[in-house]
Amino acid sequence: TASWSVPFVTIEDQPRFGWRGVMLDVVRHWFTKEQVKDFIDDMVKFKFNMLHLHLSDDQGWRIEIKSLPKLTEVGAWRAPRTGRWGDFTKPSPNEPKTYGGYYTQEDMKELIQYAQDRFVTIMPEIDVPGHSLAAVASYPELTCTTDSTYQVNAGERFMIWPGNGTFYGILDNTLCPANEKVYEFLDKVFTEIAAIFPYEYIHMGGDECYKGFWKKSAAVAQLMKREKLKDMHEVQSYFVKRVQKIINSKGKKMMGWDEIMEGGLAPGASVMSWQGMKGGTAAAKAKHHVVMSPNDFAYVDLYQGDPVAEPPTYSKVLLKKSYEFNPLPPGVDSQYILGGQANLWAERLHTVRHMQYMMWPRTLAIAESVWSPAYKKDWPDFVRRVENQFERFDMAETNYSRSMYDPAFIAKKDSKGNLLIEMTTQIDGLNIHYSFDEFPPDRFYPIYSEALSVPKDAANLKVITYRGKEQVGKPISMPIAELKKRAKIN
């Protein structure tokens, strides 16, 4: 137990934005009803009031739809895998599908009430037309390339990302925009979703839809001719507008990721901007409501330190970068910015402990960015308060990352083509102690002060950060070969 004293004060405070959200992906890895309740309890400690639940994707379907029982009989389950996401082996056709789960409608109503009792609103997301492999595995007739051998993805690679912002699919994970059965299916889904969730918005996804299989479809070609659609972006826009009509018919408003703007944004649709803030800015200037959740600030499943010293994921968002998040871009009318949101995708988050490690403390930075006026933000003071929060996390046995103390490594070539190593920290006043001698350094080892040359035959640079006599960072061993690779030295 712990005792915390509170001074006798008067507090006058109010939020900058009404939408202070966190998105939790319960598809890629399954989190139980009780775990979601714990997640809500953590949210409200930091004044978050919106929980966006990502309920469907290629790896699972997580909400009971009574009129479509196969969505949970088939779509909620996949072959179990452990290891590095994306490198898993493809399940054999008859392999038992034992990993997964779903929320019954009564479970979800219980969660909604639990959240409401804590002043949190839950918004559901059903991700279409891409990211729909769990639905397709359940009802194969929903694709343009009907194939009865579809399976719920178990984490094996089926989309290829060349690295230039483009991607393509090895198999079709999309709903067919030219198939009327798709819209009948979605009408059933959203009828039940609207009855479960009292919130005014339903999120329809709309992101990362690979359209290559649509291009090969005779039915899509006929649709384009009939509706005078010029390209695949307009085909997606046609689909989005059909979905919006369905959602509106249930008395709800529609929100989607910023790709729903492709081919023309449906009137009245709201945008959740994840590919930076450009899409959200354009939507707001066109007088659409927007929630900002840009991946370069608010994706809290990405690296928060050097990849050598962190659990495997992709890209990077440091704590200081998250703290720089401002949901209101210059020149945008604030009435169209509902607020901002941290997004926690779960491809690589196998456990609650891993989830907590990725969330904290970066989600604290998002919490402050959506609550406090921008002019009141103060990075050094935020760091001080985060460190106070670490004590509370420790007492609550909540996992968190201390990567904010760890250095960034900058590998360069000198004029002779030799490796030079520079190091920086997000936090001022820290000392980086280092060694090349294969023994872990402590505060009695040299303090980094200028670019380092690598001694002959050294294989690793070992570092640790201190604040005075107190160790604050974790020991890191950086391979010299990795630094040479980054500096493009053969």
Foldseek 3Di string as FASTA:
>chain_A
DDDDDDDDDDDDFFFPFPAQAAEDECFLPHDDLVRVLVVLVVCLVLPHAEYEYEAAFLQAHAEDQPVQRLRFVARFWAAADDDDFQADDWDDQPHDGDHGYHAYLVSLLVSQVSSVVSNHAYAYEAEAFARALSVCCSPVVQALDRDVSGHRDNRHDFKDDPPPPDIAGNDARGGALLDVVNLVVLLSVLLVVLVSGVDQEYEHALPDHHCPVLVVGPSSVVVCVVVVPDDVLLSSLSSVLSSQVSNVVSNHAYEYELSNPRNHHDPRYEYEYACACVSVQVCQVVVAAYEYQYVQAAALQAAQADPQPDDDDDDYHHLVSNLLDAQDDPPGDVVRYNFYYHYYHCNPPHDQLSSQASPPPSSSSSSCNRGDDPVPDDVVVVVVVSVVVVVVCVVVVRHYDLNQQPWHWDWAADPVRFIKIDIDGPDPQKWKFKDQPPDADAPVHDTDDDIDGDPPPRFWIWIFIDRVRHTRGDIGTHGPVVSCVVNVRD
